[in-house]
Amino acid sequence: MKDRLDGPARARPGARPPASLTAAKIPAIILGVDPSLRGTGYGIIAPGKPHPQTLAMGTIACPATWERSRCLVRISDTLRAVIAEHHPEVCVIEGIFFVQNLKTALIMGEARGAALAVIASAGLDIYELATRKVKQAIVGYGGAQKSAVATMVQRMLNLAELPEPDAADALALALTHARESSRYQLKPLKKI
């Protein structure tokens, strides 16, 4: 009762302020993942000014001749190595989208599952962003083409060369998360 009467100036040591009073914390290192069986894109950024810094980016490519199981192992091993090298705090992964072909949906789900298992086992918080929301945030149009996303990512990160399409999508996910984390949100970011 005494603490309530004395007001917030005498907060108990170690007590945390209510969530409504805390400022949004932008993670120091963000991993973006665009999962696909034959070309999983990844990108790691460190938010900053005047522009975020790109720490790593790439595409985990698997030849069409490889079995799905071999591709899933490559996705897992590569992401595990990237996480061990750069120590991201959070991961942003492309949200599930509607597909008309059931086989394609299952294969995409397998690649996404392989990535999620590695990321979760590393202890990272995982957030999901819809593709249209990312395109809207980066290009200004939710139906933008991959080339437009890659061009804007190149400009926003001050990259010398245009990133590969899958890596650009992963970097766009990370950039969008950094932007969304820095804003006041009425609806919290979707954590999975």
N, C-alpha and C. Protein backbone atom coordinates (compact mmCIF):
# COMPACT_ATOMS: atom_id res chain seq x y z
N MET A 1 0.82 -1.19 0.00
CA MET A 1 0.00 0.00 0.00
C MET A 1 0.87 1.26 0.00
N LYS A 2 1.96 1.21 0.76
CA LYS A 2 2.84 2.36 0.84
C LYS A 2 3.43 2.69 -0.54
N ASP A 3 3.80 1.63 -1.30
CA ASP A 3 4.35 1.87 -2.65
C ASP A 3 3.34 2.58 -3.54
N ARG A 4 2.09 2.21 -3.44
CA ARG A 4 1.06 2.85 -4.26
C ARG A 4 0.88 4.32 -3.89
N LEU A 5 0.95 4.63 -2.60
CA LEU A 5 0.78 6.02 -2.17
C LEU A 5 1.99 6.88 -2.52
N ASP A 6 3.17 6.28 -2.44
CA ASP A 6 4.38 7.05 -2.74
C ASP A 6 4.56 7.30 -4.23
N GLY A 7 3.89 6.53 -5.07
CA GLY A 7 3.96 6.75 -6.51
C GLY A 7 5.11 6.01 -7.15
N PRO A 8 5.29 6.20 -8.46
CA PRO A 8 6.27 5.45 -9.23
C PRO A 8 7.72 5.84 -8.93
N ALA A 9 7.95 6.94 -8.25
CA ALA A 9 9.31 7.37 -7.98
C ALA A 9 10.05 6.38 -7.08
N ARG A 10 9.32 5.60 -6.31
CA ARG A 10 9.95 4.65 -5.40
C ARG A 10 9.67 3.21 -5.85
N ALA A 11 10.03 2.92 -7.03
CA ALA A 11 9.81 1.57 -7.55
C ALA A 11 10.74 0.59 -6.85
N ARG A 12 10.26 -0.61 -6.63
CA ARG A 12 11.08 -1.65 -6.00
C ARG A 12 12.23 -1.99 -6.93
N PRO A 13 13.40 -2.31 -6.35
CA PRO A 13 14.52 -2.73 -7.20
C PRO A 13 14.14 -3.98 -7.99
N GLY A 14 14.47 -3.97 -9.27
CA GLY A 14 14.17 -5.11 -10.13
C GLY A 14 12.75 -5.14 -10.65
N ALA A 15 11.88 -4.24 -10.18
CA ALA A 15 10.49 -4.22 -10.66
C ALA A 15 10.46 -3.68 -12.07
N ARG A 16 9.63 -4.26 -12.90
CA ARG A 16 9.50 -3.82 -14.29
C ARG A 16 8.29 -2.90 -14.41
N PRO A 17 8.41 -1.85 -15.23
CA PRO A 17 7.25 -0.99 -15.44
C PRO A 17 6.18 -1.75 -16.21
N PRO A 18 4.92 -1.33 -16.09
CA PRO A 18 3.87 -2.00 -16.85
C PRO A 18 4.18 -1.97 -18.34
N ALA A 19 3.72 -2.99 -19.05
CA ALA A 19 4.01 -3.11 -20.49
C ALA A 19 3.55 -1.89 -21.26
N SER A 20 2.47 -1.26 -20.82
CA SER A 20 1.94 -0.10 -21.55
C SER A 20 2.87 1.10 -21.47
N LEU A 21 3.80 1.11 -20.50
CA LEU A 21 4.69 2.24 -20.34
C LEU A 21 6.07 2.00 -20.94
N THR A 22 6.36 0.79 -21.37
CA THR A 22 7.68 0.50 -21.91
C THR A 22 7.74 0.84 -23.39
N ALA A 23 8.89 1.34 -23.79
CA ALA A 23 9.09 1.66 -25.20
C ALA A 23 9.38 0.37 -25.95
N ALA A 24 9.02 0.36 -27.22
CA ALA A 24 9.30 -0.81 -28.05
C ALA A 24 10.81 -0.95 -28.20
N LYS A 25 11.31 -2.17 -28.07
CA LYS A 25 12.73 -2.43 -28.19
C LYS A 25 13.01 -3.03 -29.56
N ILE A 26 13.84 -2.36 -30.32
CA ILE A 26 14.22 -2.88 -31.62
C ILE A 26 15.35 -3.87 -31.40
N PRO A 27 15.21 -5.10 -31.88
CA PRO A 27 16.28 -6.08 -31.71
C PRO A 27 17.57 -5.60 -32.36
N ALA A 28 18.71 -5.96 -31.77
CA ALA A 28 20.01 -5.54 -32.29
C ALA A 28 20.35 -6.25 -33.60
N ILE A 29 19.95 -7.51 -33.72
CA ILE A 29 20.22 -8.27 -34.94
C ILE A 29 18.97 -9.06 -35.31
N ILE A 30 18.53 -8.91 -36.55
CA ILE A 30 17.29 -9.54 -37.02
C ILE A 30 17.59 -10.47 -38.20
N LEU A 31 17.06 -11.69 -38.11
CA LEU A 31 17.18 -12.67 -39.19
C LEU A 31 15.85 -12.73 -39.93
N GLY A 32 15.90 -12.58 -41.24
CA GLY A 32 14.72 -12.76 -42.07
C GLY A 32 14.86 -14.04 -42.88
N VAL A 33 13.77 -14.82 -42.98
CA VAL A 33 13.82 -16.09 -43.72
C VAL A 33 12.62 -16.17 -44.65
N ASP A 34 12.91 -16.44 -45.93
CA ASP A 34 11.89 -16.66 -46.95
C ASP A 34 12.00 -18.11 -47.38
N PRO A 35 11.21 -19.02 -46.76
CA PRO A 35 11.41 -20.45 -46.99
C PRO A 35 10.87 -20.96 -48.32
N SER A 36 11.63 -21.86 -48.91
CA SER A 36 11.24 -22.55 -50.13
C SER A 36 12.15 -23.77 -50.25
N LEU A 37 11.65 -24.85 -50.81
CA LEU A 37 12.45 -26.07 -50.88
C LEU A 37 13.69 -25.89 -51.74
N ARG A 38 13.56 -25.25 -52.87
CA ARG A 38 14.70 -25.12 -53.81
C ARG A 38 15.48 -23.83 -53.66
N GLY A 39 14.96 -22.86 -52.94
CA GLY A 39 15.65 -21.58 -52.79
C GLY A 39 15.20 -20.81 -51.56
N THR A 40 15.67 -21.21 -50.38
CA THR A 40 15.32 -20.49 -49.15
C THR A 40 16.24 -19.29 -49.02
N GLY A 41 15.63 -18.11 -48.93
CA GLY A 41 16.41 -16.90 -48.78
C GLY A 41 16.57 -16.56 -47.31
N TYR A 42 17.73 -16.00 -46.97
CA TYR A 42 17.95 -15.51 -45.60
C TYR A 42 18.69 -14.18 -45.67
N GLY A 43 18.45 -13.37 -44.67
CA GLY A 43 19.12 -12.07 -44.59
C GLY A 43 19.20 -11.65 -43.14
N ILE A 44 20.34 -11.11 -42.74
CA ILE A 44 20.53 -10.66 -41.37
C ILE A 44 20.94 -9.20 -41.40
N ILE A 45 20.21 -8.39 -40.62
CA ILE A 45 20.52 -6.97 -40.54
C ILE A 45 20.70 -6.54 -39.09
N ALA A 46 21.42 -5.44 -38.93
CA ALA A 46 21.53 -4.76 -37.65
C ALA A 46 20.93 -3.37 -37.87
N PRO A 47 19.74 -3.10 -37.31
CA PRO A 47 19.11 -1.80 -37.52
C PRO A 47 20.02 -0.67 -37.04
N GLY A 48 20.00 0.43 -37.75
CA GLY A 48 20.81 1.58 -37.38
C GLY A 48 20.55 2.75 -38.29
N LYS A 49 21.21 3.87 -38.01
CA LYS A 49 21.04 5.07 -38.81
C LYS A 49 22.39 5.49 -39.35
N PRO A 50 22.49 5.97 -40.55
CA PRO A 50 21.42 6.41 -41.43
C PRO A 50 20.70 5.26 -42.13
N HIS A 51 21.30 4.09 -42.18
CA HIS A 51 20.62 2.94 -42.77
C HIS A 51 21.06 1.69 -42.01
N PRO A 52 20.22 0.66 -42.00
CA PRO A 52 20.61 -0.59 -41.34
C PRO A 52 21.83 -1.21 -42.03
N GLN A 53 22.55 -2.01 -41.28
CA GLN A 53 23.74 -2.68 -41.81
C GLN A 53 23.39 -4.13 -42.16
N THR A 54 23.80 -4.56 -43.33
CA THR A 54 23.61 -5.95 -43.74
C THR A 54 24.77 -6.78 -43.21
N LEU A 55 24.45 -7.80 -42.41
CA LEU A 55 25.49 -8.67 -41.86
C LEU A 55 25.70 -9.91 -42.71
N ALA A 56 24.62 -10.43 -43.28
CA ALA A 56 24.71 -11.62 -44.13
C ALA A 56 23.45 -11.72 -44.98
N MET A 57 23.60 -12.35 -46.13
CA MET A 57 22.44 -12.64 -46.97
C MET A 57 22.82 -13.75 -47.92
N GLY A 58 21.81 -14.45 -48.38
CA GLY A 58 22.09 -15.52 -49.33
C GLY A 58 20.86 -16.34 -49.63
N THR A 59 21.04 -17.28 -50.53
CA THR A 59 19.99 -18.20 -50.91
C THR A 59 20.51 -19.61 -50.72
N ILE A 60 19.75 -20.42 -50.01
CA ILE A 60 20.10 -21.82 -49.81
C ILE A 60 19.52 -22.57 -51.00
N ALA A 61 20.34 -22.76 -52.02
CA ALA A 61 19.88 -23.36 -53.28
C ALA A 61 20.05 -24.88 -53.24
N CYS A 62 19.04 -25.56 -53.72
CA CYS A 62 19.06 -27.02 -53.83
C CYS A 62 18.67 -27.40 -55.26
N PRO A 63 19.51 -28.18 -55.92
CA PRO A 63 19.20 -28.58 -57.30
C PRO A 63 17.89 -29.38 -57.39
N ALA A 64 17.25 -29.30 -58.53
CA ALA A 64 15.99 -30.01 -58.76
C ALA A 64 16.16 -31.52 -58.71
N THR A 65 17.39 -32.00 -58.88
CA THR A 65 17.64 -33.44 -58.85
C THR A 65 17.72 -34.01 -57.43
N TRP A 66 17.85 -33.13 -56.43
CA TRP A 66 17.95 -33.60 -55.05
C TRP A 66 16.59 -34.04 -54.52
N GLU A 67 16.61 -35.07 -53.65
CA GLU A 67 15.38 -35.48 -52.97
C GLU A 67 15.00 -34.38 -51.97
N ARG A 68 13.72 -34.35 -51.62
CA ARG A 68 13.26 -33.33 -50.67
C ARG A 68 13.99 -33.44 -49.33
N SER A 69 14.21 -34.65 -48.87
CA SER A 69 14.87 -34.83 -47.58
C SER A 69 16.27 -34.21 -47.56
N ARG A 70 16.99 -34.34 -48.65
CA ARG A 70 18.33 -33.76 -48.74
C ARG A 70 18.26 -32.23 -48.71
N CYS A 71 17.26 -31.67 -49.37
CA CYS A 71 17.06 -30.21 -49.35
C CYS A 71 16.76 -29.72 -47.94
N LEU A 72 15.92 -30.44 -47.22
CA LEU A 72 15.55 -30.05 -45.85
C LEU A 72 16.77 -30.06 -44.93
N VAL A 73 17.65 -31.03 -45.12
CA VAL A 73 18.89 -31.09 -44.32
C VAL A 73 19.76 -29.88 -44.65
N ARG A 74 19.87 -29.54 -45.93
CA ARG A 74 20.69 -28.39 -46.31
C ARG A 74 20.13 -27.09 -45.73
N ILE A 75 18.82 -26.92 -45.78
CA ILE A 75 18.19 -25.73 -45.19
C ILE A 75 18.51 -25.66 -43.70
N SER A 76 18.34 -26.77 -43.00
CA SER A 76 18.59 -26.81 -41.56
C SER A 76 20.05 -26.51 -41.23
N ASP A 77 20.97 -27.19 -41.92
CA ASP A 77 22.39 -27.02 -41.63
C ASP A 77 22.86 -25.59 -41.91
N THR A 78 22.41 -25.03 -43.02
CA THR A 78 22.84 -23.67 -43.39
C THR A 78 22.31 -22.65 -42.39
N LEU A 79 21.04 -22.74 -42.06
CA LEU A 79 20.48 -21.79 -41.09
C LEU A 79 21.14 -21.93 -39.72
N ARG A 80 21.43 -23.15 -39.31
CA ARG A 80 22.10 -23.38 -38.03
C ARG A 80 23.47 -22.68 -38.02
N ALA A 81 24.22 -22.79 -39.12
CA ALA A 81 25.53 -22.16 -39.22
C ALA A 81 25.42 -20.63 -39.23
N VAL A 82 24.44 -20.10 -39.95
CA VAL A 82 24.24 -18.65 -40.02
C VAL A 82 23.88 -18.09 -38.64
N ILE A 83 23.01 -18.78 -37.93
CA ILE A 83 22.62 -18.35 -36.58
C ILE A 83 23.81 -18.40 -35.63
N ALA A 84 24.61 -19.46 -35.71
CA ALA A 84 25.78 -19.60 -34.84
C ALA A 84 26.81 -18.50 -35.12
N GLU A 85 26.93 -18.08 -36.36
CA GLU A 85 27.92 -17.05 -36.71
C GLU A 85 27.47 -15.64 -36.31
N HIS A 86 26.20 -15.33 -36.50
CA HIS A 86 25.75 -13.94 -36.33
C HIS A 86 24.92 -13.67 -35.08
N HIS A 87 24.44 -14.68 -34.41
CA HIS A 87 23.69 -14.56 -33.15
C HIS A 87 22.52 -13.57 -33.22
N PRO A 88 21.58 -13.77 -34.14
CA PRO A 88 20.41 -12.87 -34.18
C PRO A 88 19.56 -13.03 -32.92
N GLU A 89 18.82 -11.97 -32.60
CA GLU A 89 17.94 -12.00 -31.43
C GLU A 89 16.55 -12.50 -31.79
N VAL A 90 16.10 -12.16 -32.99
CA VAL A 90 14.77 -12.57 -33.44
C VAL A 90 14.83 -13.02 -34.89
N CYS A 91 13.80 -13.75 -35.28
CA CYS A 91 13.66 -14.17 -36.67
C CYS A 91 12.28 -13.74 -37.17
N VAL A 92 12.25 -13.31 -38.41
CA VAL A 92 10.99 -12.98 -39.07
C VAL A 92 10.87 -13.90 -40.27
N ILE A 93 9.76 -14.60 -40.35
CA ILE A 93 9.57 -15.56 -41.43
C ILE A 93 8.33 -15.19 -42.22
N GLU A 94 8.37 -15.49 -43.50
CA GLU A 94 7.22 -15.18 -44.35
C GLU A 94 6.00 -15.97 -43.88
N GLY A 95 4.87 -15.28 -43.79
CA GLY A 95 3.63 -15.91 -43.36
C GLY A 95 3.10 -16.89 -44.39
N ILE A 96 2.26 -17.77 -43.92
CA ILE A 96 1.65 -18.75 -44.80
C ILE A 96 0.73 -18.03 -45.77
N PHE A 97 0.77 -18.45 -47.01
CA PHE A 97 -0.08 -17.84 -48.02
C PHE A 97 -0.95 -18.91 -48.66
N PHE A 98 -1.94 -18.48 -49.37
CA PHE A 98 -2.88 -19.39 -50.01
C PHE A 98 -2.27 -19.94 -51.29
N VAL A 99 -2.32 -21.26 -51.43
CA VAL A 99 -1.89 -21.90 -52.67
C VAL A 99 -3.00 -22.82 -53.15
N GLN A 100 -3.15 -22.93 -54.46
CA GLN A 100 -4.20 -23.76 -55.00
C GLN A 100 -3.76 -25.21 -55.17
N ASN A 101 -2.48 -25.45 -55.24
CA ASN A 101 -1.96 -26.79 -55.45
C ASN A 101 -1.57 -27.39 -54.10
N LEU A 102 -2.20 -28.46 -53.69
CA LEU A 102 -1.96 -29.09 -52.40
C LEU A 102 -0.53 -29.60 -52.28
N LYS A 103 0.01 -30.17 -53.34
CA LYS A 103 1.38 -30.68 -53.31
C LYS A 103 2.38 -29.56 -53.04
N THR A 104 2.19 -28.42 -53.70
CA THR A 104 3.06 -27.27 -53.48
C THR A 104 2.97 -26.78 -52.04
N ALA A 105 1.76 -26.75 -51.51
CA ALA A 105 1.56 -26.31 -50.12
C ALA A 105 2.29 -27.23 -49.15
N LEU A 106 2.24 -28.53 -49.38
CA LEU A 106 2.91 -29.48 -48.50
C LEU A 106 4.43 -29.32 -48.57
N ILE A 107 4.95 -29.15 -49.77
CA ILE A 107 6.40 -28.99 -49.94
C ILE A 107 6.87 -27.69 -49.29
N MET A 108 6.11 -26.61 -49.48
CA MET A 108 6.45 -25.34 -48.83
C MET A 108 6.40 -25.47 -47.32
N GLY A 109 5.42 -26.21 -46.83
CA GLY A 109 5.29 -26.43 -45.39
C GLY A 109 6.47 -27.21 -44.83
N GLU A 110 6.98 -28.16 -45.60
CA GLU A 110 8.15 -28.92 -45.15
C GLU A 110 9.37 -28.01 -45.03
N ALA A 111 9.60 -27.18 -46.01
CA ALA A 111 10.75 -26.25 -45.97
C ALA A 111 10.60 -25.26 -44.82
N ARG A 112 9.40 -24.76 -44.64
CA ARG A 112 9.14 -23.82 -43.55
C ARG A 112 9.34 -24.51 -42.21
N GLY A 113 8.88 -25.74 -42.09
CA GLY A 113 9.03 -26.49 -40.85
C GLY A 113 10.49 -26.76 -40.51
N ALA A 114 11.29 -27.10 -41.52
CA ALA A 114 12.72 -27.33 -41.30
C ALA A 114 13.38 -26.06 -40.77
N ALA A 115 13.04 -24.93 -41.37
CA ALA A 115 13.60 -23.65 -40.93
C ALA A 115 13.14 -23.30 -39.51
N LEU A 116 11.85 -23.44 -39.26
CA LEU A 116 11.30 -23.10 -37.94
C LEU A 116 11.90 -23.96 -36.83
N ALA A 117 12.13 -25.24 -37.10
CA ALA A 117 12.69 -26.13 -36.08
C ALA A 117 14.09 -25.68 -35.67
N VAL A 118 14.91 -25.30 -36.64
CA VAL A 118 16.27 -24.85 -36.34
C VAL A 118 16.24 -23.52 -35.59
N ILE A 119 15.40 -22.61 -36.05
CA ILE A 119 15.32 -21.28 -35.44
C ILE A 119 14.81 -21.39 -34.00
N ALA A 120 13.77 -22.17 -33.79
CA ALA A 120 13.21 -22.34 -32.45
C ALA A 120 14.21 -23.03 -31.52
N SER A 121 14.95 -24.02 -32.04
CA SER A 121 15.92 -24.71 -31.19
C SER A 121 17.07 -23.80 -30.78
N ALA A 122 17.31 -22.73 -31.55
CA ALA A 122 18.33 -21.75 -31.20
C ALA A 122 17.82 -20.76 -30.15
N GLY A 123 16.53 -20.84 -29.84
CA GLY A 123 15.96 -19.98 -28.80
C GLY A 123 15.54 -18.59 -29.27
N LEU A 124 15.43 -18.38 -30.57
CA LEU A 124 15.03 -17.08 -31.08
C LEU A 124 13.52 -16.89 -30.99
N ASP A 125 13.09 -15.66 -30.74
CA ASP A 125 11.68 -15.32 -30.89
C ASP A 125 11.40 -15.30 -32.38
N ILE A 126 10.27 -15.85 -32.78
CA ILE A 126 9.93 -15.94 -34.20
C ILE A 126 8.65 -15.15 -34.46
N TYR A 127 8.71 -14.27 -35.45
CA TYR A 127 7.55 -13.48 -35.85
C TYR A 127 7.21 -13.83 -37.29
N GLU A 128 5.94 -13.65 -37.62
CA GLU A 128 5.45 -13.97 -38.95
C GLU A 128 4.88 -12.70 -39.58
N LEU A 129 5.23 -12.46 -40.83
CA LEU A 129 4.70 -11.32 -41.58
C LEU A 129 4.14 -11.80 -42.91
N ALA A 130 2.99 -11.27 -43.27
CA ALA A 130 2.38 -11.60 -44.56
C ALA A 130 3.17 -10.95 -45.69
N THR A 131 3.26 -11.64 -46.80
CA THR A 131 4.00 -11.15 -47.96
C THR A 131 3.48 -9.79 -48.42
N ARG A 132 2.18 -9.63 -48.47
CA ARG A 132 1.59 -8.35 -48.93
C ARG A 132 1.97 -7.20 -47.99
N LYS A 133 2.01 -7.48 -46.70
CA LYS A 133 2.37 -6.44 -45.73
C LYS A 133 3.83 -6.01 -45.91
N VAL A 134 4.70 -6.96 -46.18
CA VAL A 134 6.11 -6.65 -46.40
C VAL A 134 6.27 -5.81 -47.67
N LYS A 135 5.61 -6.22 -48.75
CA LYS A 135 5.70 -5.46 -50.00
C LYS A 135 5.14 -4.05 -49.82
N GLN A 136 4.06 -3.93 -49.08
CA GLN A 136 3.47 -2.62 -48.81
C GLN A 136 4.47 -1.74 -48.05
N ALA A 137 5.13 -2.32 -47.04
CA ALA A 137 6.08 -1.56 -46.22
C ALA A 137 7.33 -1.16 -47.00
N ILE A 138 7.80 -2.02 -47.87
CA ILE A 138 9.06 -1.77 -48.58
C ILE A 138 8.86 -0.97 -49.87
N VAL A 139 7.85 -1.35 -50.65
CA VAL A 139 7.65 -0.72 -51.97
C VAL A 139 6.51 0.29 -51.96
N GLY A 140 5.53 0.08 -51.08
CA GLY A 140 4.38 0.96 -51.05
C GLY A 140 3.18 0.37 -51.75
N TYR A 141 3.32 -0.88 -52.24
CA TYR A 141 2.24 -1.55 -52.96
C TYR A 141 2.31 -3.03 -52.63
N GLY A 142 1.22 -3.58 -52.09
CA GLY A 142 1.17 -4.96 -51.65
C GLY A 142 1.29 -6.00 -52.74
N GLY A 143 1.08 -5.61 -53.98
CA GLY A 143 1.19 -6.55 -55.09
C GLY A 143 2.45 -6.34 -55.91
N ALA A 144 3.47 -5.73 -55.31
CA ALA A 144 4.71 -5.41 -56.03
C ALA A 144 5.42 -6.66 -56.52
N GLN A 145 6.16 -6.51 -57.60
CA GLN A 145 6.96 -7.60 -58.16
C GLN A 145 8.22 -7.81 -57.34
N LYS A 146 8.82 -9.01 -57.44
CA LYS A 146 10.05 -9.31 -56.72
C LYS A 146 11.18 -8.34 -57.08
N SER A 147 11.24 -7.94 -58.34
CA SER A 147 12.31 -7.03 -58.78
C SER A 147 12.19 -5.67 -58.09
N ALA A 148 10.96 -5.20 -57.88
CA ALA A 148 10.76 -3.92 -57.20
C ALA A 148 11.19 -4.03 -55.73
N VAL A 149 10.90 -5.16 -55.09
CA VAL A 149 11.31 -5.38 -53.71
C VAL A 149 12.83 -5.39 -53.63
N ALA A 150 13.49 -6.11 -54.54
CA ALA A 150 14.95 -6.20 -54.53
C ALA A 150 15.58 -4.82 -54.73
N THR A 151 15.03 -4.01 -55.62
CA THR A 151 15.55 -2.66 -55.87
C THR A 151 15.43 -1.78 -54.63
N MET A 152 14.29 -1.83 -53.96
CA MET A 152 14.10 -1.02 -52.75
C MET A 152 14.98 -1.50 -51.60
N VAL A 153 15.14 -2.80 -51.48
CA VAL A 153 16.02 -3.35 -50.43
C VAL A 153 17.45 -2.89 -50.69
N GLN A 154 17.87 -2.91 -51.94
CA GLN A 154 19.22 -2.44 -52.28
C GLN A 154 19.40 -0.98 -51.86
N ARG A 155 18.41 -0.15 -52.12
CA ARG A 155 18.49 1.27 -51.74
C ARG A 155 18.46 1.46 -50.23
N MET A 156 17.55 0.76 -49.56
CA MET A 156 17.39 0.94 -48.11
C MET A 156 18.62 0.48 -47.34
N LEU A 157 19.30 -0.55 -47.86
CA LEU A 157 20.48 -1.08 -47.17
C LEU A 157 21.79 -0.57 -47.76
N ASN A 158 21.68 0.28 -48.77
CA ASN A 158 22.86 0.87 -49.40
C ASN A 158 23.81 -0.22 -49.91
N LEU A 159 23.24 -1.21 -50.60
CA LEU A 159 24.03 -2.33 -51.12
C LEU A 159 24.63 -1.97 -52.47
N ALA A 160 25.84 -2.43 -52.73
CA ALA A 160 26.50 -2.15 -54.00
C ALA A 160 25.82 -2.85 -55.17
N GLU A 161 25.31 -4.07 -54.92
CA GLU A 161 24.67 -4.85 -55.97
C GLU A 161 23.26 -5.24 -55.58
N LEU A 162 22.46 -5.52 -56.58
CA LEU A 162 21.09 -5.97 -56.36
C LEU A 162 21.13 -7.37 -55.74
N PRO A 163 20.46 -7.58 -54.60
CA PRO A 163 20.47 -8.92 -54.00
C PRO A 163 19.64 -9.90 -54.82
N GLU A 164 19.95 -11.20 -54.68
CA GLU A 164 19.16 -12.23 -55.33
C GLU A 164 17.72 -12.13 -54.83
N PRO A 165 16.73 -12.52 -55.65
CA PRO A 165 15.33 -12.34 -55.26
C PRO A 165 14.95 -12.96 -53.91
N ASP A 166 15.39 -14.19 -53.63
CA ASP A 166 15.01 -14.83 -52.36
C ASP A 166 15.70 -14.15 -51.18
N ALA A 167 16.96 -13.77 -51.34
CA ALA A 167 17.68 -13.06 -50.29
C ALA A 167 17.07 -11.67 -50.07
N ALA A 168 16.65 -11.02 -51.16
CA ALA A 168 16.01 -9.70 -51.06
C ALA A 168 14.70 -9.80 -50.27
N ASP A 169 13.93 -10.86 -50.52
CA ASP A 169 12.68 -11.05 -49.77
C ASP A 169 12.96 -11.24 -48.29
N ALA A 170 14.01 -12.01 -47.96
CA ALA A 170 14.37 -12.23 -46.56
C ALA A 170 14.82 -10.93 -45.90
N LEU A 171 15.62 -10.14 -46.61
CA LEU A 171 16.06 -8.85 -46.07
C LEU A 171 14.87 -7.90 -45.90
N ALA A 172 13.92 -7.97 -46.83
CA ALA A 172 12.71 -7.13 -46.72
C ALA A 172 11.91 -7.51 -45.47
N LEU A 173 11.84 -8.79 -45.16
CA LEU A 173 11.17 -9.23 -43.93
C LEU A 173 11.85 -8.62 -42.71
N ALA A 174 13.18 -8.69 -42.66
CA ALA A 174 13.93 -8.14 -41.52
C ALA A 174 13.74 -6.63 -41.42
N LEU A 175 13.80 -5.94 -42.55
CA LEU A 175 13.60 -4.48 -42.55
C LEU A 175 12.21 -4.09 -42.07
N THR A 176 11.21 -4.82 -42.52
CA THR A 176 9.84 -4.53 -42.12
C THR A 176 9.67 -4.76 -40.62
N HIS A 177 10.26 -5.82 -40.11
CA HIS A 177 10.17 -6.08 -38.67
C HIS A 177 10.84 -4.97 -37.87
N ALA A 178 12.00 -4.51 -38.32
CA ALA A 178 12.69 -3.42 -37.62
C ALA A 178 11.82 -2.17 -37.60
N ARG A 179 11.17 -1.89 -38.70
CA ARG A 179 10.30 -0.72 -38.80
C ARG A 179 9.08 -0.87 -37.90
N GLU A 180 8.45 -2.04 -37.94
CA GLU A 180 7.25 -2.29 -37.14
C GLU A 180 7.58 -2.29 -35.65
N SER A 181 8.76 -2.78 -35.28
CA SER A 181 9.16 -2.83 -33.87
C SER A 181 9.38 -1.45 -33.29
N SER A 182 9.72 -0.50 -34.14
CA SER A 182 10.01 0.85 -33.66
C SER A 182 8.76 1.72 -33.53
N ARG A 183 7.62 1.20 -33.93
CA ARG A 183 6.38 1.97 -33.89
C ARG A 183 5.47 1.49 -32.77
N TYR A 184 4.62 2.39 -32.31
CA TYR A 184 3.61 2.02 -31.34
C TYR A 184 2.58 1.15 -32.05
N GLN A 185 2.27 0.01 -31.48
CA GLN A 185 1.36 -0.93 -32.12
C GLN A 185 0.10 -1.11 -31.30
N LEU A 186 -1.05 -0.90 -31.92
CA LEU A 186 -2.30 -1.23 -31.26
C LEU A 186 -2.51 -2.73 -31.29
N LYS A 187 -2.06 -3.35 -32.36
CA LYS A 187 -2.14 -4.80 -32.51
C LYS A 187 -0.70 -5.32 -32.45
N PRO A 188 -0.37 -6.17 -31.48
CA PRO A 188 1.01 -6.64 -31.37
C PRO A 188 1.44 -7.45 -32.59
N LEU A 189 2.76 -7.48 -32.81
CA LEU A 189 3.30 -8.27 -33.91
C LEU A 189 2.97 -9.73 -33.69
N LYS A 190 2.75 -10.47 -34.77
CA LYS A 190 2.31 -11.87 -34.66
C LYS A 190 3.52 -12.77 -34.39
N LYS A 191 3.58 -13.27 -33.17
CA LYS A 191 4.66 -14.15 -32.75
C LYS A 191 4.21 -15.59 -32.87
N ILE A 192 5.08 -16.45 -33.39
CA ILE A 192 4.72 -17.87 -33.51
C ILE A 192 5.70 -18.73 -32.74
